[in-house]
C-alpha atoms as a PDB file:
ATOM      1  CA  MET A   1      60.061 -15.343  51.488  1.00  0.00           C
ATOM      2  CA  ASN A   2      59.947 -11.641  50.749  1.00  0.00           C
ATOM      3  CA  HIS A   3      57.912 -11.580  47.091  1.00  0.00           C
ATOM      4  CA  SER A   4      57.254  -7.522  47.153  1.00  0.00           C
ATOM      5  CA  THR A   5      60.700  -6.646  45.365  1.00  0.00           C
ATOM      6  CA  THR A   6      63.146  -8.718  44.111  1.00  0.00           C
ATOM      7  CA  PRO A   7      66.672  -7.059  43.626  1.00  0.00           C
ATOM      8  CA  ILE A   8      68.950  -7.914  40.681  1.00  0.00           C
ATOM      9  CA  ALA A   9      72.608  -6.945  40.964  1.00  0.00           C
ATOM     10  CA  GLY A  10      72.982  -3.753  38.910  1.00  0.00           C
ATOM     11  CA  SER A  11      69.357  -2.797  38.174  1.00  0.00           C
ATOM     12  CA  THR A  12      66.363  -1.828  39.568  1.00  0.00           C
ATOM     13  CA  PRO A  13      64.646  -4.035  41.907  1.00  0.00           C
ATOM     14  CA  ILE A  14      61.343  -5.979  40.147  1.00  0.00           C
ATOM     15  CA  VAL A  15      58.198  -5.198  41.920  1.00  0.00           C
ATOM     16  CA  GLU A  16      56.317  -8.221  42.766  1.00  0.00           C
ATOM     17  CA  VAL A  17      52.661  -8.373  41.609  1.00  0.00           C
ATOM     18  CA  VAL A  18      49.968 -10.561  41.314  1.00  0.00           C
ATOM     19  CA  ALA A  19      46.843 -10.114  38.300  1.00  0.00           C
ATOM     20  CA  ALA A  20      43.919 -12.580  38.083  1.00  0.00           C
ATOM     21  CA  VAL A  21      42.138 -13.787  35.212  1.00  0.00           C
ATOM     22  CA  ILE A  22      38.756 -14.248  36.612  1.00  0.00           C
ATOM     23  CA  LEU A  23      37.048 -16.720  34.305  1.00  0.00           C
ATOM     24  CA  GLN A  24      33.490 -17.572  33.635  1.00  0.00           C
ATOM     25  CA  PRO A  25      32.477 -20.945  32.173  1.00  0.00           C
ATOM     26  CA  ASP A  26      31.825 -19.185  28.590  1.00  0.00           C
ATOM     27  CA  GLY A  27      35.143 -17.715  28.783  1.00  0.00           C
ATOM     28  CA  ARG A  28      34.628 -14.169  29.420  1.00  0.00           C
ATOM     29  CA  PHE A  29      36.979 -12.666  32.102  1.00  0.00           C
ATOM     30  CA  LEU A  30      37.022  -9.714  34.407  1.00  0.00           C
ATOM     31  CA  LEU A  31      38.578  -6.394  33.220  1.00  0.00           C
ATOM     32  CA  THR A  32      39.039  -3.406  35.767  1.00  0.00           C
ATOM     33  CA  ARG A  33      39.408   0.114  35.089  1.00  0.00           C
ATOM     34  CA  ARG A  34      42.250   1.920  36.951  1.00  0.00           C
ATOM     35  CA  PRO A  35      40.395   4.554  39.090  1.00  0.00           C
ATOM     36  CA  ALA A  36      41.138   8.342  39.014  1.00  0.00           C
ATOM     37  CA  GLY A  37      44.524   9.352  41.192  1.00  0.00           C
ATOM     38  CA  LYS A  38      46.870   6.133  40.273  1.00  0.00           C
ATOM     39  CA  VAL A  39      49.480   5.975  37.629  1.00  0.00           C
ATOM     40  CA  TYR A  40      47.866   5.038  34.180  1.00  0.00           C
ATOM     41  CA  SER A  41      44.394   5.873  35.497  1.00  0.00           C
ATOM     42  CA  GLY A  42      41.574   5.086  32.855  1.00  0.00           C
ATOM     43  CA  TYR A  43      43.765   2.064  31.666  1.00  0.00           C
ATOM     44  CA  TRP A  44      41.862  -1.284  31.774  1.00  0.00           C
ATOM     45  CA  GLU A  45      43.712  -4.278  33.511  1.00  0.00           C
ATOM     46  CA  PHE A  46      43.485  -7.563  35.200  1.00  0.00           C
ATOM     47  CA  PRO A  47      42.540  -7.391  38.823  1.00  0.00           C
ATOM     48  CA  GLY A  48      44.966  -7.561  41.604  1.00  0.00           C
ATOM     49  CA  GLY A  49      48.037  -5.784  42.491  1.00  0.00           C
ATOM     50  CA  LYS A  50      51.651  -6.013  44.796  1.00  0.00           C
ATOM     51  CA  VAL A  51      52.637  -8.579  47.126  1.00  0.00           C
ATOM     52  CA  GLU A  52      53.514  -7.575  50.444  1.00  0.00           C
ATOM     53  CA  PRO A  53      56.531  -8.648  52.179  1.00  0.00           C
ATOM     54  CA  ASN A  54      57.143 -11.895  53.299  1.00  0.00           C
ATOM     55  CA  GLU A  55      53.389 -13.048  51.607  1.00  0.00           C
ATOM     56  CA  SER A  56      52.619 -15.812  49.350  1.00  0.00           C
ATOM     57  CA  LEU A  57      51.713 -15.283  45.845  1.00  0.00           C
ATOM     58  CA  LEU A  58      48.293 -17.055  46.420  1.00  0.00           C
ATOM     59  CA  HIS A  59      47.480 -15.068  49.595  1.00  0.00           C
ATOM     60  CA  ALA A  60      48.200 -11.837  47.589  1.00  0.00           C
ATOM     61  CA  LEU A  61      45.613 -12.640  45.132  1.00  0.00           C
ATOM     62  CA  GLU A  62      43.627 -13.728  47.855  1.00  0.00           C
ATOM     63  CA  ARG A  63      43.770 -10.163  49.714  1.00  0.00           C
ATOM     64  CA  GLU A  64      43.896  -8.102  46.684  1.00  0.00           C
ATOM     65  CA  LEU A  65      40.394  -9.396  45.030  1.00  0.00           C
ATOM     66  CA  TRP A  66      38.808  -9.308  48.310  1.00  0.00           C
ATOM     67  CA  GLU A  67      39.979  -5.336  48.895  1.00  0.00           C
ATOM     68  CA  GLU A  68      39.059  -4.731  45.010  1.00  0.00           C
ATOM     69  CA  LEU A  69      36.211  -6.757  44.228  1.00  0.00           C
ATOM     70  CA  GLY A  70      34.577  -8.182  47.490  1.00  0.00           C
ATOM     71  CA  ILE A  71      35.081 -11.429  46.472  1.00  0.00           C
ATOM     72  CA  HIS A  72      36.341 -14.734  48.022  1.00  0.00           C
ATOM     73  CA  VAL A  73      38.609 -17.223  45.767  1.00  0.00           C
ATOM     74  CA  ARG A  74      37.591 -20.763  45.923  1.00  0.00           C
ATOM     75  CA  GLN A  75      39.946 -22.146  42.865  1.00  0.00           C
ATOM     76  CA  ALA A  76      42.938 -20.511  41.487  1.00  0.00           C
ATOM     77  CA  HIS A  77      45.648 -21.850  39.343  1.00  0.00           C
ATOM     78  CA  SER A  78      49.126 -20.176  38.377  1.00  0.00           C
ATOM     79  CA  TRP A  79      49.239 -19.600  34.321  1.00  0.00           C
ATOM     80  CA  ILE A  80      52.021 -17.744  33.254  1.00  0.00           C
ATOM     81  CA  THR A  81      54.477 -15.156  34.460  1.00  0.00           C
ATOM     82  CA  ARG A  82      55.712 -11.635  32.683  1.00  0.00           C
ATOM     83  CA  VAL A  83      57.917  -9.146  33.373  1.00  0.00           C
ATOM     84  CA  PHE A  84      57.252  -5.842  31.758  1.00  0.00           C
ATOM     85  CA  SER A  85      59.346  -2.240  32.200  1.00  0.00           C
ATOM     86  CA  TYR A  86      57.221   0.960  32.805  1.00  0.00           C
ATOM     87  CA  SER A  87      58.844   4.304  32.890  1.00  0.00           C
ATOM     88  CA  HIS A  88      57.837   4.128  36.682  1.00  0.00           C
ATOM     89  CA  ALA A  89      58.612   0.428  37.689  1.00  0.00           C
ATOM     90  CA  THR A  90      59.583  -2.661  36.720  1.00  0.00           C
ATOM     91  CA  VAL A  91      57.168  -5.695  37.737  1.00  0.00           C
ATOM     92  CA  ARG A  92      56.641  -9.342  37.278  1.00  0.00           C
ATOM     93  CA  LEU A  93      53.387 -10.240  36.633  1.00  0.00           C
ATOM     94  CA  HIS A  94      52.298 -13.401  38.149  1.00  0.00           C
ATOM     95  CA  PHE A  95      49.218 -14.178  36.383  1.00  0.00           C
ATOM     96  CA  PHE A  96      46.403 -16.622  38.261  1.00  0.00           C
ATOM     97  CA  ARG A  97      43.503 -18.219  36.593  1.00  0.00           C
ATOM     98  CA  VAL A  98      40.255 -17.950  38.906  1.00  0.00           C
ATOM     99  CA  VAL A  99      37.989 -20.558  37.985  1.00  0.00           C
ATOM    100  CA  GLU A 100      35.890 -20.804  41.172  1.00  0.00           C
ATOM    101  CA  TRP A 101      34.664 -17.736  43.590  1.00  0.00           C
ATOM    102  CA  GLU A 102      32.251 -16.548  46.488  1.00  0.00           C
ATOM    103  CA  GLY A 103      30.377 -13.221  45.841  1.00  0.00           C
ATOM    104  CA  GLN A 104      29.316 -10.619  43.140  1.00  0.00           C
ATOM    105  CA  PRO A 105      32.478  -8.543  42.063  1.00  0.00           C
ATOM    106  CA  SER A 106      31.823  -5.122  42.782  1.00  0.00           C
ATOM    107  CA  PRO A 107      34.068  -2.353  42.475  1.00  0.00           C
ATOM    108  CA  ARG A 108      34.876  -1.524  46.265  1.00  0.00           C
ATOM    109  CA  GLU A 109      37.677   1.026  45.195  1.00  0.00           C
ATOM    110  CA  LYS A 110      35.800   2.972  42.412  1.00  0.00           C
ATOM    111  CA  GLN A 111      37.276   1.176  39.306  1.00  0.00           C
ATOM    112  CA  GLY A 112      35.344   0.283  36.234  1.00  0.00           C
ATOM    113  CA  LEU A 113      34.149  -3.427  35.698  1.00  0.00           C
ATOM    114  CA  SER A 114      33.727  -5.330  32.375  1.00  0.00           C
ATOM    115  CA  TRP A 115      33.224  -8.843  31.377  1.00  0.00           C
ATOM    116  CA  GLN A 116      35.147  -9.127  28.025  1.00  0.00           C
ATOM    117  CA  TRP A 117      35.886 -12.150  25.485  1.00  0.00           C
ATOM    118  CA  PRO A 118      39.033 -12.690  24.598  1.00  0.00           C
ATOM    119  CA  HIS A 119      38.671 -11.459  20.985  1.00  0.00           C
ATOM    120  CA  PRO A 120      37.464  -8.647  20.099  1.00  0.00           C
ATOM    121  CA  VAL A 121      38.462  -7.033  24.008  1.00  0.00           C
ATOM    122  CA  GLU A 122      35.855  -3.851  23.356  1.00  0.00           C
ATOM    123  CA  VAL A 123      37.380  -1.778  26.253  1.00  0.00           C
ATOM    124  CA  SER A 124      40.261   0.542  25.584  1.00  0.00           C
ATOM    125  CA  PRO A 125      42.851   1.769  26.542  1.00  0.00           C
ATOM    126  CA  MET A 126      44.496  -1.584  28.014  1.00  0.00           C
ATOM    127  CA  LEU A 127      47.502  -1.255  30.203  1.00  0.00           C
ATOM    128  CA  PRO A 128      50.536  -2.130  27.667  1.00  0.00           C
ATOM    129  CA  ALA A 129      52.053  -5.192  29.642  1.00  0.00           C
ATOM    130  CA  ASN A 130      48.641  -7.080  29.300  1.00  0.00           C
ATOM    131  CA  GLY A 131      48.786  -7.524  25.309  1.00  0.00           C
ATOM    132  CA  PRO A 132      50.283 -10.551  25.234  1.00  0.00           C
ATOM    133  CA  ILE A 133      48.020 -12.371  27.976  1.00  0.00           C
ATOM    134  CA  LEU A 134      45.221 -11.159  25.881  1.00  0.00           C
ATOM    135  CA  GLN A 135      46.864 -13.443  23.126  1.00  0.00           C
ATOM    136  CA  SER A 136      47.352 -15.974  25.251  1.00  0.00           C
ATOM    137  CA  LEU A 137      43.872 -16.548  26.517  1.00  0.00           C
ATOM    138  CA  ARG A 138      42.718 -16.856  23.116  1.00  0.00           C
ATOM    139  CA  LEU A 139      44.150 -20.400  22.720  1.00  0.00           C
ATOM    140  CA  PRO A 140      41.871 -23.111  23.198  1.00  0.00           C
ATOM    141  CA  PRO A 141      42.309 -25.675  26.229  1.00  0.00           C
ATOM    142  CA  VAL A 142      42.721 -28.359  23.776  1.00  0.00           C
ATOM    143  CA  TYR A 143      45.478 -28.835  21.058  1.00  0.00           C
ATOM    144  CA  ALA A 144      45.073 -31.615  19.190  1.00  0.00           C
ATOM    145  CA  ILE A 145      47.626 -33.642  17.040  1.00  0.00           C
ATOM    146  CA  THR A 146      46.885 -35.814  13.713  1.00  0.00           C
ATOM    147  CA  HIS A 147      48.405 -39.462  13.434  1.00  0.00           C
ATOM    148  CA  ALA A 148      46.676 -40.476  10.137  1.00  0.00           C
ATOM    149  CA  ALA A 149      49.651 -42.473   9.463  1.00  0.00           C
ATOM    150  CA  GLU A 150      47.997 -45.073  12.039  1.00  0.00           C
ATOM    151  CA  THR A 151      44.370 -44.469  11.286  1.00  0.00           C
ATOM    152  CA  GLY A 152      44.389 -43.963   7.477  1.00  0.00           C
ATOM    153  CA  ILE A 153      43.348 -40.833   5.833  1.00  0.00           C
ATOM    154  CA  GLU A 154      39.924 -41.208   5.542  1.00  0.00           C
ATOM    155  CA  ALA A 155      39.205 -42.217   9.002  1.00  0.00           C
ATOM    156  CA  ALA A 156      41.329 -39.664  10.440  1.00  0.00           C
ATOM    157  CA  LEU A 157      39.700 -36.665   8.505  1.00  0.00           C
ATOM    158  CA  GLN A 158      36.528 -38.037   9.595  1.00  0.00           C
ATOM    159  CA  HIS A 159      37.810 -37.963  13.444  1.00  0.00           C
ATOM    160  CA  ILE A 160      38.738 -34.411  12.785  1.00  0.00           C
ATOM    161  CA  GLU A 161      35.804 -32.903  11.364  1.00  0.00           C
ATOM    162  CA  ARG A 162      33.682 -34.553  14.087  1.00  0.00           C
ATOM    163  CA  ALA A 163      36.324 -32.937  16.651  1.00  0.00           C
ATOM    164  CA  LEU A 164      35.652 -29.635  15.032  1.00  0.00           C
ATOM    165  CA  GLN A 165      31.804 -30.266  15.746  1.00  0.00           C
ATOM    166  CA  ASN A 166      32.597 -31.442  19.290  1.00  0.00           C
ATOM    167  CA  GLY A 167      34.043 -27.759  19.873  1.00  0.00           C
ATOM    168  CA  LEU A 168      38.133 -28.446  18.477  1.00  0.00           C
ATOM    169  CA  ARG A 169      39.639 -25.097  17.569  1.00  0.00           C
ATOM    170  CA  LEU A 170      43.626 -25.989  17.240  1.00  0.00           C
ATOM    171  CA  LEU A 171      44.895 -28.702  15.703  1.00  0.00           C
ATOM    172  CA  GLN A 172      48.668 -29.810  14.672  1.00  0.00           C
ATOM    173  CA  ILE A 173      49.180 -31.858  11.329  1.00  0.00           C
ATOM    174  CA  ARG A 174      52.205 -34.174  12.336  1.00  0.00           C
ATOM    175  CA  GLU A 175      52.387 -36.602   9.996  1.00  0.00           C
ATOM    176  CA  LYS A 176      56.377 -37.733   9.562  1.00  0.00           C
ATOM    177  CA  GLN A 177      55.652 -40.601   7.097  1.00  0.00           C
ATOM    178  CA  MET A 178      53.515 -38.890   4.567  1.00  0.00           C
ATOM    179  CA  THR A 179      55.130 -38.109   1.135  1.00  0.00           C
ATOM    180  CA  PRO A 180      55.290 -34.256   0.306  1.00  0.00           C
ATOM    181  CA  ASP A 181      52.765 -34.677  -2.032  1.00  0.00           C
ATOM    182  CA  ALA A 182      50.391 -36.862   0.395  1.00  0.00           C
ATOM    183  CA  LEU A 183      50.960 -34.135   2.993  1.00  0.00           C
ATOM    184  CA  ARG A 184      50.195 -31.264   0.803  1.00  0.00           C
ATOM    185  CA  ASP A 185      46.463 -32.975  -0.140  1.00  0.00           C
ATOM    186  CA  PHE A 186      46.162 -34.180   3.212  1.00  0.00           C
ATOM    187  CA  THR A 187      46.609 -30.478   4.811  1.00  0.00           C
ATOM    188  CA  GLY A 188      44.572 -29.003   2.065  1.00  0.00           C
ATOM    189  CA  ARG A 189      41.749 -31.097   3.239  1.00  0.00           C
ATOM    190  CA  VAL A 190      41.964 -30.514   6.688  1.00  0.00           C
ATOM    191  CA  LEU A 191      42.055 -26.573   6.196  1.00  0.00           C
ATOM    192  CA  GLU A 192      39.103 -27.083   4.594  1.00  0.00           C
ATOM    193  CA  LEU A 193      37.245 -28.640   7.150  1.00  0.00           C
ATOM    194  CA  ALA A 194      38.895 -26.163  10.100  1.00  0.00           C
ATOM    195  CA  ARG A 195      37.661 -23.313   8.097  1.00  0.00           C
ATOM    196  CA  PRO A 196      33.832 -23.285   8.999  1.00  0.00           C
ATOM    197  CA  TYR A 197      34.975 -23.602  12.862  1.00  0.00           C
ATOM    198  CA  GLN A 198      37.356 -20.584  12.378  1.00  0.00           C
ATOM    199  CA  ALA A 199      39.642 -23.476  13.968  1.00  0.00           C
ATOM    200  CA  LYS A 200      43.602 -22.980  13.827  1.00  0.00           C
ATOM    201  CA  VAL A 201      45.707 -25.432  12.128  1.00  0.00           C
ATOM    202  CA  LEU A 202      49.271 -25.367  12.517  1.00  0.00           C
ATOM    203  CA  ILE A 203      51.847 -27.573  10.414  1.00  0.00           C
ATOM    204  CA  ASN A 204      54.574 -29.496  12.117  1.00  0.00           C
ATOM    205  CA  GLY A 205      58.142 -28.370  11.196  1.00  0.00           C
ATOM    206  CA  SER A 206      57.729 -26.483   7.862  1.00  0.00           C
ATOM    207  CA  THR A 207      57.177 -22.721   7.509  1.00  0.00           C
ATOM    208  CA  GLU A 208      57.088 -23.320   4.094  1.00  0.00           C
ATOM    209  CA  LEU A 209      54.555 -25.457   3.740  1.00  0.00           C
ATOM    210  CA  ALA A 210      52.521 -23.338   6.403  1.00  0.00           C
ATOM    211  CA  GLN A 211      52.597 -20.330   4.381  1.00  0.00           C
ATOM    212  CA  GLU A 212      51.992 -22.342   0.616  1.00  0.00           C
ATOM    213  CA  LEU A 213      48.779 -23.794   2.009  1.00  0.00           C
ATOM    214  CA  GLY A 214      47.648 -21.014   4.267  1.00  0.00           C
ATOM    215  CA  ALA A 215      47.779 -22.495   6.999  1.00  0.00           C
ATOM    216  CA  ASP A 216      47.382 -20.662  10.493  1.00  0.00           C
ATOM    217  CA  GLY A 217      51.155 -21.390  11.751  1.00  0.00           C
ATOM    218  CA  VAL A 218      54.155 -23.603  12.234  1.00  0.00           C
ATOM    219  CA  HIS A 219      54.948 -26.090  15.057  1.00  0.00           C
ATOM    220  CA  LEU A 220      58.676 -26.316  15.433  1.00  0.00           C
ATOM    221  CA  THR A 221      60.346 -29.919  16.611  1.00  0.00           C
ATOM    222  CA  SER A 222      62.622 -29.501  19.419  1.00  0.00           C
ATOM    223  CA  SER A 223      65.529 -29.954  17.228  1.00  0.00           C
ATOM    224  CA  GLN A 224      64.677 -27.010  14.774  1.00  0.00           C
ATOM    225  CA  LEU A 225      63.761 -24.978  17.835  1.00  0.00           C
ATOM    226  CA  MET A 226      67.318 -25.486  19.589  1.00  0.00           C
ATOM    227  CA  ALA A 227      68.823 -24.411  15.786  1.00  0.00           C
ATOM    228  CA  MET A 228      67.267 -21.111  15.480  1.00  0.00           C
ATOM    229  CA  SER A 229      68.364 -17.895  16.549  1.00  0.00           C
ATOM    230  CA  SER A 230      65.001 -15.531  15.792  1.00  0.00           C
ATOM    231  CA  ARG A 231      61.431 -16.661  15.057  1.00  0.00           C
ATOM    232  CA  PRO A 232      60.142 -17.889  12.046  1.00  0.00           C
ATOM    233  CA  ASP A 233      58.884 -14.972   9.643  1.00  0.00           C
ATOM    234  CA  PRO A 234      55.706 -13.471  11.584  1.00  0.00           C
ATOM    235  CA  ALA A 235      54.218 -13.948   8.014  1.00  0.00           C
ATOM    236  CA  ALA A 236      53.459 -17.520   8.699  1.00  0.00           C
ATOM    237  CA  GLY A 237      51.315 -17.006  12.034  1.00  0.00           C
ATOM    238  CA  LEU A 238      50.991 -18.796  15.070  1.00  0.00           C
ATOM    239  CA  CYS A 239      54.542 -20.585  15.867  1.00  0.00           C
ATOM    240  CA  ALA A 240      54.925 -23.214  19.075  1.00  0.00           C
ATOM    241  CA  ALA A 241      57.328 -26.025  19.587  1.00  0.00           C
ATOM    242  CA  SER A 242      57.656 -28.808  21.114  1.00  0.00           C
ATOM    243  CA  CYS A 243      60.140 -28.810  24.494  1.00  0.00           C
ATOM    244  CA  HIS A 244      61.075 -31.832  26.578  1.00  0.00           C
ATOM    245  CA  ASN A 245      63.193 -29.789  29.345  1.00  0.00           C
ATOM    246  CA  ALA A 246      63.983 -26.528  31.002  1.00  0.00           C
ATOM    247  CA  GLU A 247      66.932 -25.762  28.166  1.00  0.00           C
ATOM    248  CA  GLU A 248      64.383 -26.198  25.245  1.00  0.00           C
ATOM    249  CA  LEU A 249      61.594 -24.368  27.322  1.00  0.00           C
ATOM    250  CA  PHE A 250      64.300 -21.208  27.876  1.00  0.00           C
ATOM    251  CA  ALA A 251      64.819 -21.229  24.066  1.00  0.00           C
ATOM    252  CA  ALA A 252      61.049 -21.386  23.115  1.00  0.00           C
ATOM    253  CA  GLU A 253      60.769 -18.292  25.833  1.00  0.00           C
ATOM    254  CA  GLN A 254      63.806 -16.494  23.736  1.00  0.00           C
ATOM    255  CA  LEU A 255      62.338 -16.546  20.787  1.00  0.00           C
ATOM    256  CA  GLY A 256      59.266 -15.150  21.297  1.00  0.00           C
ATOM    257  CA  LEU A 257      57.200 -17.970  20.369  1.00  0.00           C
ATOM    258  CA  ASP A 258      53.300 -18.177  21.225  1.00  0.00           C
ATOM    259  CA  PHE A 259      53.048 -21.239  23.016  1.00  0.00           C
ATOM    260  CA  ALA A 260      55.255 -24.783  24.155  1.00  0.00           C
ATOM    261  CA  VAL A 261      54.295 -27.861  24.338  1.00  0.00           C
ATOM    262  CA  LEU A 262      56.074 -29.857  27.110  1.00  0.00           C
ATOM    263  CA  GLY A 263      55.861 -33.676  27.625  1.00  0.00           C
ATOM    264  CA  PRO A 264      55.900 -36.500  27.870  1.00  0.00           C
ATOM    265  CA  VAL A 265      54.155 -36.147  31.158  1.00  0.00           C
ATOM    266  CA  GLN A 266      53.250 -39.908  31.039  1.00  0.00           C
ATOM    267  CA  PRO A 267      54.015 -43.000  28.781  1.00  0.00           C
ATOM    268  CA  THR A 268      53.284 -42.851  25.237  1.00  0.00           C
ATOM    269  CA  LEU A 269      53.017 -44.694  22.208  1.00  0.00           C
ATOM    270  CA  SER A 270      54.541 -42.141  19.640  1.00  0.00           C
ATOM    271  CA  HIS A 271      57.745 -42.035  22.011  1.00  0.00           C
ATOM    272  CA  PRO A 272      57.941 -45.416  23.806  1.00  0.00           C
ATOM    273  CA  GLY A 273      61.946 -44.470  24.784  1.00  0.00           C
ATOM    274  CA  LEU A 274      61.511 -41.670  26.045  1.00  0.00           C
ATOM    275  CA  SER A 275      61.183 -41.067  29.993  1.00  0.00           C
ATOM    276  CA  SER A 276      58.431 -39.510  31.298  1.00  0.00           C
ATOM    277  CA  LEU A 277      58.252 -36.413  33.068  1.00  0.00           C
ATOM    278  CA  GLY A 278      55.396 -36.887  35.600  1.00  0.00           C
ATOM    279  CA  TRP A 279      52.847 -33.967  36.814  1.00  0.00           C
ATOM    280  CA  ARG A 280      55.518 -32.712  39.877  1.00  0.00           C
ATOM    281  CA  ARG A 281      58.251 -32.232  37.512  1.00  0.00           C
ATOM    282  CA  PHE A 282      56.268 -30.790  34.732  1.00  0.00           C
ATOM    283  CA  ALA A 283      55.034 -28.470  37.385  1.00  0.00           C
ATOM    284  CA  THR A 284      58.458 -27.378  38.502  1.00  0.00           C
ATOM    285  CA  LEU A 285      59.528 -27.079  34.667  1.00  0.00           C
ATOM    286  CA  ILE A 286      56.795 -24.394  34.256  1.00  0.00           C
ATOM    287  CA  ARG A 287      56.525 -22.479  37.192  1.00  0.00           C
ATOM    288  CA  GLY A 288      57.491 -18.976  36.499  1.00  0.00           C
ATOM    289  CA  TYR A 289      56.846 -19.226  32.934  1.00  0.00           C
ATOM    290  CA  SER A 290      56.330 -16.649  30.465  1.00  0.00           C
ATOM    291  CA  LEU A 291      54.622 -18.497  27.963  1.00  0.00           C
ATOM    292  CA  PRO A 292      51.331 -20.637  27.873  1.00  0.00           C
ATOM    293  CA  VAL A 293      52.473 -24.432  28.060  1.00  0.00           C
ATOM    294  CA  TYR A 294      50.144 -27.613  27.216  1.00  0.00           C
ATOM    295  CA  ALA A 295      51.061 -30.715  28.633  1.00  0.00           C
ATOM    296  CA  LEU A 296      51.484 -33.573  26.336  1.00  0.00           C
ATOM    297  CA  GLY A 297      52.085 -36.904  26.459  1.00  0.00           C
ATOM    298  CA  GLY A 298      49.449 -40.125  27.722  1.00  0.00           C
ATOM    299  CA  LEU A 299      46.688 -37.527  28.178  1.00  0.00           C
ATOM    300  CA  HIS A 300      42.720 -37.177  27.692  1.00  0.00           C
ATOM    301  CA  ARG A 301      40.287 -34.824  27.954  1.00  0.00           C
ATOM    302  CA  GLU A 302      40.011 -35.879  31.567  1.00  0.00           C
ATOM    303  CA  ASP A 303      43.143 -34.718  32.255  1.00  0.00           C
ATOM    304  CA  LEU A 304      42.924 -31.305  31.465  1.00  0.00           C
ATOM    305  CA  PRO A 305      41.967 -30.043  35.168  1.00  0.00           C
ATOM    306  CA  ILE A 306      45.026 -31.731  36.488  1.00  0.00           C
ATOM    307  CA  ALA A 307      47.032 -30.279  34.088  1.00  0.00           C
ATOM    308  CA  GLN A 308      45.845 -26.567  34.324  1.00  0.00           C
ATOM    309  CA  GLU A 309      46.149 -27.116  38.195  1.00  0.00           C
ATOM    310  CA  MET A 310      49.933 -28.022  37.571  1.00  0.00           C
ATOM    311  CA  GLY A 311      50.091 -24.467  35.610  1.00  0.00           C
ATOM    312  CA  ALA A 312      49.596 -25.686  32.084  1.00  0.00           C
ATOM    313  CA  HIS A 313      47.334 -23.712  29.634  1.00  0.00           C
ATOM    314  CA  GLY A 314      45.496 -26.961  28.583  1.00  0.00           C
ATOM    315  CA  ILE A 315      46.264 -30.542  27.114  1.00  0.00           C
ATOM    316  CA  ALA A 316      47.855 -31.420  23.844  1.00  0.00           C
ATOM    317  CA  MET A 317      46.398 -35.366  22.622  1.00  0.00           C
ATOM    318  CA  MET A 318      47.260 -37.374  19.611  1.00  0.00           C
ATOM    319  CA  ARG A 319      44.820 -40.362  20.131  1.00  0.00           C
ATOM    320  CA  GLY A 320      42.405 -38.346  22.102  1.00  0.00           C
ATOM    321  CA  ILE A 321      41.674 -36.428  19.277  1.00  0.00           C
ATOM    322  CA  GLU A 322      37.663 -37.076  18.790  1.00  0.00           C
END
């Protein structure tokens, strides 16, 4: 298949481009500065380039990183895909996370190189298309979900504290059976635990409660998602949604949410009657998708590598919260 340009009826062809998020084990990633003589010279970007006619995306990635940086890709996973219109062209950016390579990156095209943390990025200016990518890179790989109704509140708080000590940085409070007062109290206690670790806490289903208690955002149910015509108030912080099919993923994309959760990948205790997707269907649904996606459903921490191999940003877990 010719990936280099994709014509759309009545519009300018889209230029297909691969981009690499080359990741160190500590979370740093490599940015390159466009050399003199190129469009947007002096701007920082993720390394990569145009896909040639009849070239696969992965082959284009391998070729570009060898030509630009002198490294051989050993392991790379597709991640997110975004379309961006510049004044000179419209590009479809296929982002890959490169987690294993051979060789030391070197500036073979006289471009600048800089290893950066997701927050804050200390080089500028960045190419305009990369703003959402940097925000997505700040999302941790594990998204935990509370289930205090099963364990009891005190046990749940102990589990959450232990998980925070072990590195958990993103948590959803999902307690359908709690009374409003109990939920408010529980959420307040979770926020107190999370703040010293700078962990983000989202509340399931209630933008109002999230804003009232100073939580970091809201997680929409799939029914809430499908009923919305615009994203909740930006003052509510992060906004995510539960998705189970292509239609719901499309709705989350149209609203410009920060991330989506897709499942169940495997059978779960919380949704015993819902048929599971399996990894093959999961990967198909998120191929070419523009938002980071967490895989959900019967998963544990040891499933993180396979989830990312399938294109997920990470995994969401309820019973693996510790």
